[in-house]
Amino acid sequence: MAAEQVAVHWARARAPSRRKWGLILFCYLALAPVLALFAYIRLVPIAWSVILSLYSWDFISLHKPFVGLGNYVRLMADENFIQALKNTTVYSAATVIVSTLVALPLAVFLAGKTRLAGLYQTIYFLPVITPMVPMAIAWKWIYDYNYGILNYALSLVRIHPVAWLTDPEIALWALIIMSVWKVLGYNLILFLVGIRNIPANYLEAASLDGAAGWQRFRFVTLPLLKPILLYVLVTATINAYNIFTQVYVMTLGSQAAPGHAVRVLVFDIYQNAFQYFHMGYASAEAVVLTLIVLGFTLIQFGLVRGEEA
């Protein structure tokens, strides 16, 4: 009799566990098609790129020898790659820092009871939802040396025209200005959502303790915005390191400017892969780019977690 009671008790104890595992199995089976599609679209190309980077692979030669890390060694001595890496790093740092530092105070301002706040949000967000190609063409006209509206405005104050997209000292910064304008609204909306979700009693308590506007922002608003700030920094860094469309549309004719002033990593990958057909070498560049972005992402996560600890 005791053995039967133990068996019944054991069966009852295992029943919830079986239901739990059955539910987990059902969820994975339901997600299997999505996971398979994700693996086919994302993971397989990444793995294939890593494999290609170990070969001298092109579309012409039948013989594709294994070179190991040879492509990566060549990268370290490639002036085009080094220049593209420098330009991309400068572009990314400037775009991320400026867009974040401008969007955050704007979000704090618009989070208050400001008249026409909705109109301002719409104006700032319009560039985000506008496709990049037409915006790049529009900015190319704005930067035009002879007929651009920007140089026309400078002429009104007796300033000589500026070669915004062909001067090697200015071209990269012209792209940075355009890109900050394009992503500013996205960062602004994210910060605005985060600020409006901060409980009002926190700010009221800080005011009762005598905290002024800047103190409330520094000790209450900013710490509670750290998750949003981390997301903005990570996504902005990833997007900045993958810059291509602006460069291709706005400066296609100036890629051969002195010093390759606007050469960036993704353009260098595109050129080696689809113009010179050096797929193995281009794959090595893509792997390096992925590792760089992954490294910056881990650093940003580590800095935020370190401050929270």
C-alpha atoms as a PDB file:
ATOM      1  CA  MET A   1       0.000   0.000   0.000  1.00  0.00           C
ATOM      2  CA  ALA A   2       2.835   2.352   0.867  1.00  0.00           C
ATOM      3  CA  ALA A   3       4.478   1.622  -2.462  1.00  0.00           C
ATOM      4  CA  GLU A   4       1.275   2.542  -4.277  1.00  0.00           C
ATOM      5  CA  GLN A   5       1.030   5.854  -2.375  1.00  0.00           C
ATOM      6  CA  VAL A   6       4.640   6.672  -3.256  1.00  0.00           C
ATOM      7  CA  ALA A   7       3.955   5.898  -6.918  1.00  0.00           C
ATOM      8  CA  VAL A   8       0.829   8.104  -6.906  1.00  0.00           C
ATOM      9  CA  HIS A   9       2.723  10.929  -5.214  1.00  0.00           C
ATOM     10  CA  TRP A  10       5.580  10.595  -7.721  1.00  0.00           C
ATOM     11  CA  ALA A  11       3.170  10.667 -10.666  1.00  0.00           C
ATOM     12  CA  ARG A  12       1.471  13.798  -9.320  1.00  0.00           C
ATOM     13  CA  ALA A  13       4.832  15.493  -8.818  1.00  0.00           C
ATOM     14  CA  ARG A  14       5.930  14.694 -12.352  1.00  0.00           C
ATOM     15  CA  ALA A  15       2.685  15.834 -13.997  1.00  0.00           C
ATOM     16  CA  PRO A  16       3.405  19.606 -13.838  1.00  0.00           C
ATOM     17  CA  SER A  17       6.929  18.945 -15.018  1.00  0.00           C
ATOM     18  CA  ARG A  18       5.646  17.054 -18.040  1.00  0.00           C
ATOM     19  CA  ARG A  19       3.182  19.836 -18.845  1.00  0.00           C
ATOM     20  CA  LYS A  20       5.991  22.379 -18.526  1.00  0.00           C
ATOM     21  CA  TRP A  21       8.267  20.484 -20.888  1.00  0.00           C
ATOM     22  CA  GLY A  22       5.372  19.918 -23.259  1.00  0.00           C
ATOM     23  CA  LEU A  23       4.714  23.664 -23.342  1.00  0.00           C
ATOM     24  CA  ILE A  24       8.414  24.390 -23.963  1.00  0.00           C
ATOM     25  CA  LEU A  25       8.492  21.829 -26.766  1.00  0.00           C
ATOM     26  CA  PHE A  26       5.367  23.355 -28.329  1.00  0.00           C
ATOM     27  CA  CYS A  27       6.910  26.852 -28.220  1.00  0.00           C
ATOM     28  CA  TYR A  28      10.100  25.679 -29.907  1.00  0.00           C
ATOM     29  CA  LEU A  29       8.159  23.796 -32.564  1.00  0.00           C
ATOM     30  CA  ALA A  30       6.057  26.899 -33.224  1.00  0.00           C
ATOM     31  CA  LEU A  31       9.190  29.030 -33.493  1.00  0.00           C
ATOM     32  CA  ALA A  32      11.084  26.499 -35.593  1.00  0.00           C
ATOM     33  CA  PRO A  33      10.100  27.972 -38.997  1.00  0.00           C
ATOM     34  CA  VAL A  34      11.062  31.497 -37.872  1.00  0.00           C
ATOM     35  CA  LEU A  35      14.330  30.292 -36.357  1.00  0.00           C
ATOM     36  CA  ALA A  36      15.123  28.312 -39.499  1.00  0.00           C
ATOM     37  CA  LEU A  37      14.473  31.360 -41.685  1.00  0.00           C
ATOM     38  CA  PHE A  38      16.605  33.527 -39.396  1.00  0.00           C
ATOM     39  CA  ALA A  39      19.432  31.000 -39.527  1.00  0.00           C
ATOM     40  CA  TYR A  40      19.222  30.808 -43.319  1.00  0.00           C
ATOM     41  CA  ILE A  41      19.161  34.591 -43.797  1.00  0.00           C
ATOM     42  CA  ARG A  42      21.543  35.639 -41.019  1.00  0.00           C
ATOM     43  CA  LEU A  43      23.635  32.870 -39.505  1.00  0.00           C
ATOM     44  CA  VAL A  44      24.467  30.927 -42.669  1.00  0.00           C
ATOM     45  CA  PRO A  45      25.783  34.004 -44.564  1.00  0.00           C
ATOM     46  CA  ILE A  46      27.897  34.974 -41.551  1.00  0.00           C
ATOM     47  CA  ALA A  47      29.380  31.494 -41.317  1.00  0.00           C
ATOM     48  CA  TRP A  48      29.948  31.405 -45.078  1.00  0.00           C
ATOM     49  CA  SER A  49      31.722  34.769 -44.929  1.00  0.00           C
ATOM     50  CA  VAL A  50      34.067  33.451 -42.254  1.00  0.00           C
ATOM     51  CA  ILE A  51      34.834  30.419 -44.425  1.00  0.00           C
ATOM     52  CA  LEU A  52      35.380  32.544 -47.553  1.00  0.00           C
ATOM     53  CA  SER A  53      37.785  34.791 -45.642  1.00  0.00           C
ATOM     54  CA  LEU A  54      40.161  31.837 -45.335  1.00  0.00           C
ATOM     55  CA  TYR A  55      40.404  31.338 -49.111  1.00  0.00           C
ATOM     56  CA  SER A  56      41.697  33.289 -52.082  1.00  0.00           C
ATOM     57  CA  TRP A  57      38.217  33.245 -53.599  1.00  0.00           C
ATOM     58  CA  ASP A  58      37.079  35.055 -56.721  1.00  0.00           C
ATOM     59  CA  PHE A  59      34.488  34.629 -59.471  1.00  0.00           C
ATOM     60  CA  ILE A  60      37.022  34.037 -62.237  1.00  0.00           C
ATOM     61  CA  SER A  61      39.601  31.446 -61.184  1.00  0.00           C
ATOM     62  CA  LEU A  62      38.570  27.826 -60.875  1.00  0.00           C
ATOM     63  CA  HIS A  63      41.310  27.224 -58.343  1.00  0.00           C
ATOM     64  CA  LYS A  64      40.487  28.793 -54.982  1.00  0.00           C
ATOM     65  CA  PRO A  65      43.407  28.000 -52.676  1.00  0.00           C
ATOM     66  CA  PHE A  66      43.191  27.958 -48.903  1.00  0.00           C
ATOM     67  CA  VAL A  67      45.260  30.850 -47.496  1.00  0.00           C
ATOM     68  CA  GLY A  68      44.325  30.643 -43.823  1.00  0.00           C
ATOM     69  CA  LEU A  69      44.815  34.032 -42.186  1.00  0.00           C
ATOM     70  CA  GLY A  70      46.580  35.423 -45.250  1.00  0.00           C
ATOM     71  CA  ASN A  71      43.711  37.767 -46.114  1.00  0.00           C
ATOM     72  CA  TYR A  72      43.753  39.202 -42.599  1.00  0.00           C
ATOM     73  CA  VAL A  73      47.511  39.756 -42.787  1.00  0.00           C
ATOM     74  CA  ARG A  74      47.049  41.607 -46.080  1.00  0.00           C
ATOM     75  CA  LEU A  75      44.467  43.862 -44.458  1.00  0.00           C
ATOM     76  CA  MET A  76      46.989  45.197 -41.984  1.00  0.00           C
ATOM     77  CA  ALA A  77      49.178  46.435 -44.855  1.00  0.00           C
ATOM     78  CA  ASP A  78      46.357  47.666 -47.111  1.00  0.00           C
ATOM     79  CA  GLU A  79      46.340  51.476 -47.200  1.00  0.00           C
ATOM     80  CA  ASN A  80      42.773  51.566 -48.512  1.00  0.00           C
ATOM     81  CA  PHE A  81      41.537  49.422 -45.630  1.00  0.00           C
ATOM     82  CA  ILE A  82      43.434  51.448 -43.013  1.00  0.00           C
ATOM     83  CA  GLN A  83      42.084  54.702 -44.444  1.00  0.00           C
ATOM     84  CA  ALA A  84      38.556  53.301 -44.593  1.00  0.00           C
ATOM     85  CA  LEU A  85      38.832  52.127 -40.983  1.00  0.00           C
ATOM     86  CA  LYS A  86      40.016  55.563 -39.831  1.00  0.00           C
ATOM     87  CA  ASN A  87      37.276  57.378 -41.752  1.00  0.00           C
ATOM     88  CA  THR A  88      34.574  55.040 -40.482  1.00  0.00           C
ATOM     89  CA  THR A  89      35.759  55.378 -36.887  1.00  0.00           C
ATOM     90  CA  VAL A  90      35.826  59.189 -37.077  1.00  0.00           C
ATOM     91  CA  TYR A  91      32.422  59.232 -38.759  1.00  0.00           C
ATOM     92  CA  SER A  92      30.914  56.823 -36.209  1.00  0.00           C
ATOM     93  CA  ALA A  93      32.322  58.606 -33.169  1.00  0.00           C
ATOM     94  CA  ALA A  94      31.202  62.037 -34.371  1.00  0.00           C
ATOM     95  CA  THR A  95      27.747  60.888 -35.486  1.00  0.00           C
ATOM     96  CA  VAL A  96      26.974  58.923 -32.319  1.00  0.00           C
ATOM     97  CA  ILE A  97      28.266  61.563 -29.903  1.00  0.00           C
ATOM     98  CA  VAL A  98      26.725  64.595 -31.609  1.00  0.00           C
ATOM     99  CA  SER A  99      23.335  62.976 -32.295  1.00  0.00           C
ATOM    100  CA  THR A 100      23.112  61.765 -28.684  1.00  0.00           C
ATOM    101  CA  LEU A 101      24.216  65.042 -27.087  1.00  0.00           C
ATOM    102  CA  VAL A 102      21.759  67.026 -29.225  1.00  0.00           C
ATOM    103  CA  ALA A 103      18.812  64.631 -28.936  1.00  0.00           C
ATOM    104  CA  LEU A 104      18.916  64.274 -25.136  1.00  0.00           C
ATOM    105  CA  PRO A 105      18.418  67.953 -24.178  1.00  0.00           C
ATOM    106  CA  LEU A 106      15.832  68.332 -26.935  1.00  0.00           C
ATOM    107  CA  ALA A 107      13.926  65.374 -25.466  1.00  0.00           C
ATOM    108  CA  VAL A 108      14.070  66.898 -21.983  1.00  0.00           C
ATOM    109  CA  PHE A 109      12.726  70.160 -23.389  1.00  0.00           C
ATOM    110  CA  LEU A 110       9.905  68.527 -25.373  1.00  0.00           C
ATOM    111  CA  ALA A 111       8.972  66.244 -22.469  1.00  0.00           C
ATOM    112  CA  GLY A 112       7.741  69.289 -20.585  1.00  0.00           C
ATOM    113  CA  LYS A 113       4.406  70.886 -21.246  1.00  0.00           C
ATOM    114  CA  THR A 114       5.620  72.655 -24.357  1.00  0.00           C
ATOM    115  CA  ARG A 115       3.171  74.087 -26.835  1.00  0.00           C
ATOM    116  CA  LEU A 116       3.353  72.520 -30.290  1.00  0.00           C
ATOM    117  CA  ALA A 117       5.477  69.658 -28.879  1.00  0.00           C
ATOM    118  CA  GLY A 118       3.716  67.210 -31.179  1.00  0.00           C
ATOM    119  CA  LEU A 119       4.530  69.363 -34.201  1.00  0.00           C
ATOM    120  CA  TYR A 120       8.194  69.553 -33.214  1.00  0.00           C
ATOM    121  CA  GLN A 121       8.351  65.777 -32.766  1.00  0.00           C
ATOM    122  CA  THR A 122       6.852  65.284 -36.219  1.00  0.00           C
ATOM    123  CA  ILE A 123       9.333  67.675 -37.801  1.00  0.00           C
ATOM    124  CA  TYR A 124      12.293  65.981 -36.144  1.00  0.00           C
ATOM    125  CA  PHE A 125      11.052  62.484 -36.998  1.00  0.00           C
ATOM    126  CA  LEU A 126      10.265  63.106 -40.659  1.00  0.00           C
ATOM    127  CA  PRO A 127      13.901  62.585 -41.796  1.00  0.00           C
ATOM    128  CA  VAL A 128      13.934  59.212 -40.033  1.00  0.00           C
ATOM    129  CA  ILE A 129      11.037  57.773 -42.012  1.00  0.00           C
ATOM    130  CA  THR A 130      12.180  59.305 -45.309  1.00  0.00           C
ATOM    131  CA  PRO A 131      14.190  56.827 -47.446  1.00  0.00           C
ATOM    132  CA  MET A 132      17.929  57.401 -47.436  1.00  0.00           C
ATOM    133  CA  VAL A 133      18.450  57.566 -51.201  1.00  0.00           C
ATOM    134  CA  PRO A 134      16.162  60.561 -51.930  1.00  0.00           C
ATOM    135  CA  MET A 135      17.496  62.317 -48.828  1.00  0.00           C
ATOM    136  CA  ALA A 136      21.084  61.720 -49.976  1.00  0.00           C
ATOM    137  CA  ILE A 137      20.228  63.131 -53.415  1.00  0.00           C
ATOM    138  CA  ALA A 138      18.613  66.179 -51.817  1.00  0.00           C
ATOM    139  CA  TRP A 139      21.652  66.802 -49.638  1.00  0.00           C
ATOM    140  CA  LYS A 140      23.914  66.337 -52.650  1.00  0.00           C
ATOM    141  CA  TRP A 141      22.060  69.238 -54.278  1.00  0.00           C
ATOM    142  CA  ILE A 142      22.308  71.270 -51.058  1.00  0.00           C
ATOM    143  CA  TYR A 143      26.083  70.706 -51.028  1.00  0.00           C
ATOM    144  CA  ASP A 144      26.533  71.420 -54.741  1.00  0.00           C
ATOM    145  CA  TYR A 145      29.495  73.740 -55.286  1.00  0.00           C
ATOM    146  CA  ASN A 146      27.931  75.913 -57.995  1.00  0.00           C
ATOM    147  CA  TYR A 147      24.174  75.762 -57.389  1.00  0.00           C
ATOM    148  CA  GLY A 148      23.747  74.426 -53.839  1.00  0.00           C
ATOM    149  CA  ILE A 149      21.562  76.382 -51.459  1.00  0.00           C
ATOM    150  CA  LEU A 150      24.188  76.134 -48.731  1.00  0.00           C
ATOM    151  CA  ASN A 151      26.845  77.892 -50.782  1.00  0.00           C
ATOM    152  CA  TYR A 152      24.218  80.409 -51.891  1.00  0.00           C
ATOM    153  CA  ALA A 153      23.505  81.207 -48.238  1.00  0.00           C
ATOM    154  CA  LEU A 154      27.231  81.618 -47.605  1.00  0.00           C
ATOM    155  CA  SER A 155      27.495  83.989 -50.562  1.00  0.00           C
ATOM    156  CA  LEU A 156      24.947  86.283 -48.920  1.00  0.00           C
ATOM    157  CA  VAL A 157      27.466  86.933 -46.134  1.00  0.00           C
ATOM    158  CA  ARG A 158      30.394  87.248 -48.548  1.00  0.00           C
ATOM    159  CA  ILE A 159      31.857  83.769 -47.875  1.00  0.00           C
ATOM    160  CA  HIS A 160      33.407  81.953 -50.824  1.00  0.00           C
ATOM    161  CA  PRO A 161      31.791  78.666 -51.985  1.00  0.00           C
ATOM    162  CA  VAL A 162      32.922  75.514 -50.223  1.00  0.00           C
ATOM    163  CA  ALA A 163      33.613  72.199 -51.999  1.00  0.00           C
ATOM    164  CA  TRP A 164      31.615  70.220 -49.470  1.00  0.00           C
ATOM    165  CA  LEU A 165      31.860  66.814 -51.152  1.00  0.00           C
ATOM    166  CA  THR A 166      35.210  67.031 -52.930  1.00  0.00           C
ATOM    167  CA  ASP A 167      37.477  68.820 -50.475  1.00  0.00           C
ATOM    168  CA  PRO A 168      39.316  66.024 -48.588  1.00  0.00           C
ATOM    169  CA  GLU A 169      39.322  68.109 -45.408  1.00  0.00           C
ATOM    170  CA  ILE A 170      35.565  68.735 -45.452  1.00  0.00           C
ATOM    171  CA  ALA A 171      33.849  65.858 -47.292  1.00  0.00           C
ATOM    172  CA  LEU A 172      33.677  63.470 -44.332  1.00  0.00           C
ATOM    173  CA  TRP A 173      32.284  66.181 -42.056  1.00  0.00           C
ATOM    174  CA  ALA A 174      29.644  67.020 -44.645  1.00  0.00           C
ATOM    175  CA  LEU A 175      28.492  63.397 -44.458  1.00  0.00           C
ATOM    176  CA  ILE A 176      28.508  63.589 -40.669  1.00  0.00           C
ATOM    177  CA  ILE A 177      26.257  66.663 -40.690  1.00  0.00           C
ATOM    178  CA  MET A 178      23.803  64.975 -43.019  1.00  0.00           C
ATOM    179  CA  SER A 179      23.771  61.751 -40.975  1.00  0.00           C
ATOM    180  CA  VAL A 180      23.244  63.553 -37.659  1.00  0.00           C
ATOM    181  CA  TRP A 181      20.274  65.334 -39.219  1.00  0.00           C
ATOM    182  CA  LYS A 182      18.917  61.971 -40.419  1.00  0.00           C
ATOM    183  CA  VAL A 183      19.147  60.049 -37.114  1.00  0.00           C
ATOM    184  CA  LEU A 184      18.464  62.862 -34.666  1.00  0.00           C
ATOM    185  CA  GLY A 185      14.710  62.317 -34.644  1.00  0.00           C
ATOM    186  CA  TYR A 186      15.055  58.602 -33.908  1.00  0.00           C
ATOM    187  CA  ASN A 187      17.217  59.211 -30.836  1.00  0.00           C
ATOM    188  CA  LEU A 188      14.944  62.051 -29.781  1.00  0.00           C
ATOM    189  CA  ILE A 189      11.812  59.872 -29.782  1.00  0.00           C
ATOM    190  CA  LEU A 190      13.551  57.112 -27.817  1.00  0.00           C
ATOM    191  CA  PHE A 191      14.758  59.540 -25.154  1.00  0.00           C
ATOM    192  CA  LEU A 192      11.343  61.205 -25.067  1.00  0.00           C
ATOM    193  CA  VAL A 193       9.591  57.883 -24.431  1.00  0.00           C
ATOM    194  CA  GLY A 194      12.057  57.056 -21.671  1.00  0.00           C
ATOM    195  CA  ILE A 195      11.647  60.436 -19.957  1.00  0.00           C
ATOM    196  CA  ARG A 196       7.858  60.274 -20.060  1.00  0.00           C
ATOM    197  CA  ASN A 197       7.911  56.799 -18.482  1.00  0.00           C
ATOM    198  CA  ILE A 198       9.846  58.023 -15.428  1.00  0.00           C
ATOM    199  CA  PRO A 199       7.430  58.018 -12.451  1.00  0.00           C
ATOM    200  CA  ALA A 200       6.453  61.569 -11.534  1.00  0.00           C
ATOM    201  CA  ASN A 201       6.805  60.889  -7.806  1.00  0.00           C
ATOM    202  CA  TYR A 202      10.591  60.492  -8.255  1.00  0.00           C
ATOM    203  CA  LEU A 203      10.902  63.986  -9.675  1.00  0.00           C
ATOM    204  CA  GLU A 204       8.495  65.390  -7.068  1.00  0.00           C
ATOM    205  CA  ALA A 205      10.524  63.832  -4.270  1.00  0.00           C
ATOM    206  CA  ALA A 206      13.709  65.336  -5.695  1.00  0.00           C
ATOM    207  CA  SER A 207      12.025  68.768  -5.888  1.00  0.00           C
ATOM    208  CA  LEU A 208      10.895  68.504  -2.265  1.00  0.00           C
ATOM    209  CA  ASP A 209      14.494  67.743  -1.307  1.00  0.00           C
ATOM    210  CA  GLY A 210      15.544  71.000  -2.920  1.00  0.00           C
ATOM    211  CA  ALA A 211      16.942  69.639  -6.195  1.00  0.00           C
ATOM    212  CA  ALA A 212      16.976  72.166  -9.016  1.00  0.00           C
ATOM    213  CA  GLY A 213      16.409  71.401 -12.707  1.00  0.00           C
ATOM    214  CA  TRP A 214      19.967  70.316 -13.488  1.00  0.00           C
ATOM    215  CA  GLN A 215      20.203  68.265 -10.264  1.00  0.00           C
ATOM    216  CA  ARG A 216      16.940  66.470 -11.044  1.00  0.00           C
ATOM    217  CA  PHE A 217      18.231  65.659 -14.488  1.00  0.00           C
ATOM    218  CA  ARG A 218      21.651  64.469 -13.265  1.00  0.00           C
ATOM    219  CA  PHE A 219      20.562  62.411 -10.263  1.00  0.00           C
ATOM    220  CA  VAL A 220      17.076  61.241 -11.267  1.00  0.00           C
ATOM    221  CA  THR A 221      16.378  61.459 -14.993  1.00  0.00           C
ATOM    222  CA  LEU A 222      19.760  60.433 -16.370  1.00  0.00           C
ATOM    223  CA  PRO A 223      20.243  57.316 -14.145  1.00  0.00           C
ATOM    224  CA  LEU A 224      16.751  56.085 -15.022  1.00  0.00           C
ATOM    225  CA  LEU A 225      17.473  56.678 -18.718  1.00  0.00           C
ATOM    226  CA  LYS A 226      20.535  54.401 -18.752  1.00  0.00           C
ATOM    227  CA  PRO A 227      18.747  51.460 -20.471  1.00  0.00           C
ATOM    228  CA  ILE A 228      17.475  53.801 -23.211  1.00  0.00           C
ATOM    229  CA  LEU A 229      20.861  55.488 -23.449  1.00  0.00           C
ATOM    230  CA  LEU A 230      22.583  52.123 -23.846  1.00  0.00           C
ATOM    231  CA  TYR A 231      20.155  51.096 -26.589  1.00  0.00           C
ATOM    232  CA  VAL A 232      20.676  54.397 -28.429  1.00  0.00           C
ATOM    233  CA  LEU A 233      24.470  54.123 -28.225  1.00  0.00           C
ATOM    234  CA  VAL A 234      24.552  50.492 -29.380  1.00  0.00           C
ATOM    235  CA  THR A 235      22.150  50.898 -32.303  1.00  0.00           C
ATOM    236  CA  ALA A 236      23.717  54.200 -33.364  1.00  0.00           C
ATOM    237  CA  THR A 237      27.201  52.665 -33.335  1.00  0.00           C
ATOM    238  CA  ILE A 238      26.093  49.661 -35.390  1.00  0.00           C
ATOM    239  CA  ASN A 239      24.317  51.844 -37.940  1.00  0.00           C
ATOM    240  CA  ALA A 240      27.216  54.297 -38.142  1.00  0.00           C
ATOM    241  CA  TYR A 241      29.810  51.603 -38.830  1.00  0.00           C
ATOM    242  CA  ASN A 242      27.580  50.273 -41.615  1.00  0.00           C
ATOM    243  CA  ILE A 243      27.410  53.580 -43.485  1.00  0.00           C
ATOM    244  CA  PHE A 244      27.236  53.048 -47.236  1.00  0.00           C
ATOM    245  CA  THR A 245      24.241  54.648 -48.955  1.00  0.00           C
ATOM    246  CA  GLN A 246      25.186  58.266 -48.235  1.00  0.00           C
ATOM    247  CA  VAL A 247      28.725  57.699 -49.456  1.00  0.00           C
ATOM    248  CA  TYR A 248      27.638  55.845 -52.576  1.00  0.00           C
ATOM    249  CA  VAL A 249      24.955  58.353 -53.587  1.00  0.00           C
ATOM    250  CA  MET A 250      26.523  61.640 -52.510  1.00  0.00           C
ATOM    251  CA  THR A 251      30.225  61.089 -53.170  1.00  0.00           C
ATOM    252  CA  LEU A 252      30.467  58.418 -55.841  1.00  0.00           C
ATOM    253  CA  GLY A 253      32.503  60.736 -58.004  1.00  0.00           C
ATOM    254  CA  SER A 254      34.768  61.735 -55.123  1.00  0.00           C
ATOM    255  CA  GLN A 255      35.796  58.294 -53.907  1.00  0.00           C
ATOM    256  CA  ALA A 256      39.078  58.986 -55.702  1.00  0.00           C
ATOM    257  CA  ALA A 257      39.568  62.298 -53.906  1.00  0.00           C
ATOM    258  CA  PRO A 258      43.052  62.931 -52.492  1.00  0.00           C
ATOM    259  CA  GLY A 259      43.662  60.506 -49.678  1.00  0.00           C
ATOM    260  CA  HIS A 260      40.346  58.735 -50.281  1.00  0.00           C
ATOM    261  CA  ALA A 261      38.796  61.199 -47.871  1.00  0.00           C
ATOM    262  CA  VAL A 262      35.348  59.596 -47.818  1.00  0.00           C
ATOM    263  CA  ARG A 263      36.260  55.939 -48.237  1.00  0.00           C
ATOM    264  CA  VAL A 264      34.495  53.857 -45.592  1.00  0.00           C
ATOM    265  CA  LEU A 265      34.614  50.183 -44.661  1.00  0.00           C
ATOM    266  CA  VAL A 266      31.382  49.001 -46.274  1.00  0.00           C
ATOM    267  CA  PHE A 267      32.265  50.778 -49.526  1.00  0.00           C
ATOM    268  CA  ASP A 268      35.702  49.148 -49.460  1.00  0.00           C
ATOM    269  CA  ILE A 269      34.033  45.759 -48.949  1.00  0.00           C
ATOM    270  CA  TYR A 270      31.618  46.447 -51.803  1.00  0.00           C
ATOM    271  CA  GLN A 271      34.430  47.504 -54.119  1.00  0.00           C
ATOM    272  CA  ASN A 272      36.648  44.487 -53.397  1.00  0.00           C
ATOM    273  CA  ALA A 273      33.741  42.059 -53.655  1.00  0.00           C
ATOM    274  CA  PHE A 274      31.691  43.294 -56.609  1.00  0.00           C
ATOM    275  CA  GLN A 275      34.144  45.381 -58.636  1.00  0.00           C
ATOM    276  CA  TYR A 276      37.404  43.489 -58.172  1.00  0.00           C
ATOM    277  CA  PHE A 277      35.735  40.109 -57.399  1.00  0.00           C
ATOM    278  CA  HIS A 278      38.044  39.420 -54.442  1.00  0.00           C
ATOM    279  CA  MET A 279      35.357  37.725 -52.379  1.00  0.00           C
ATOM    280  CA  GLY A 280      37.752  36.107 -49.924  1.00  0.00           C
ATOM    281  CA  TYR A 281      39.478  39.400 -49.173  1.00  0.00           C
ATOM    282  CA  ALA A 282      36.161  41.252 -48.897  1.00  0.00           C
ATOM    283  CA  SER A 283      34.860  38.558 -46.550  1.00  0.00           C
ATOM    284  CA  ALA A 284      37.888  39.101 -44.313  1.00  0.00           C
ATOM    285  CA  GLU A 285      37.044  42.811 -44.200  1.00  0.00           C
ATOM    286  CA  ALA A 286      33.440  41.963 -43.320  1.00  0.00           C
ATOM    287  CA  VAL A 287      34.568  39.692 -40.482  1.00  0.00           C
ATOM    288  CA  VAL A 288      36.839  42.425 -39.110  1.00  0.00           C
ATOM    289  CA  LEU A 289      33.982  44.933 -39.304  1.00  0.00           C
ATOM    290  CA  THR A 290      31.719  42.530 -37.412  1.00  0.00           C
ATOM    291  CA  LEU A 291      34.327  42.027 -34.697  1.00  0.00           C
ATOM    292  CA  ILE A 292      34.841  45.785 -34.353  1.00  0.00           C
ATOM    293  CA  VAL A 293      31.122  46.438 -33.927  1.00  0.00           C
ATOM    294  CA  LEU A 294      30.808  43.513 -31.510  1.00  0.00           C
ATOM    295  CA  GLY A 295      33.746  44.833 -29.497  1.00  0.00           C
ATOM    296  CA  PHE A 296      32.257  48.323 -29.189  1.00  0.00           C
ATOM    297  CA  THR A 297      28.903  46.820 -28.188  1.00  0.00           C
ATOM    298  CA  LEU A 298      30.492  44.768 -25.401  1.00  0.00           C
ATOM    299  CA  ILE A 299      32.437  47.810 -24.196  1.00  0.00           C
ATOM    300  CA  GLN A 300      29.261  49.888 -24.039  1.00  0.00           C
ATOM    301  CA  PHE A 301      27.433  47.148 -22.120  1.00  0.00           C
ATOM    302  CA  GLY A 302      30.376  46.837 -19.752  1.00  0.00           C
ATOM    303  CA  LEU A 303      30.572  50.570 -19.066  1.00  0.00           C
ATOM    304  CA  VAL A 304      26.846  50.854 -18.291  1.00  0.00           C
ATOM    305  CA  ARG A 305      26.845  47.762 -16.060  1.00  0.00           C
ATOM    306  CA  GLY A 306      29.993  48.981 -14.321  1.00  0.00           C
ATOM    307  CA  GLU A 307      28.314  52.290 -13.463  1.00  0.00           C
ATOM    308  CA  GLU A 308      25.212  50.488 -12.175  1.00  0.00           C
ATOM    309  CA  ALA A 309      27.355  48.257  -9.949  1.00  0.00           C
END
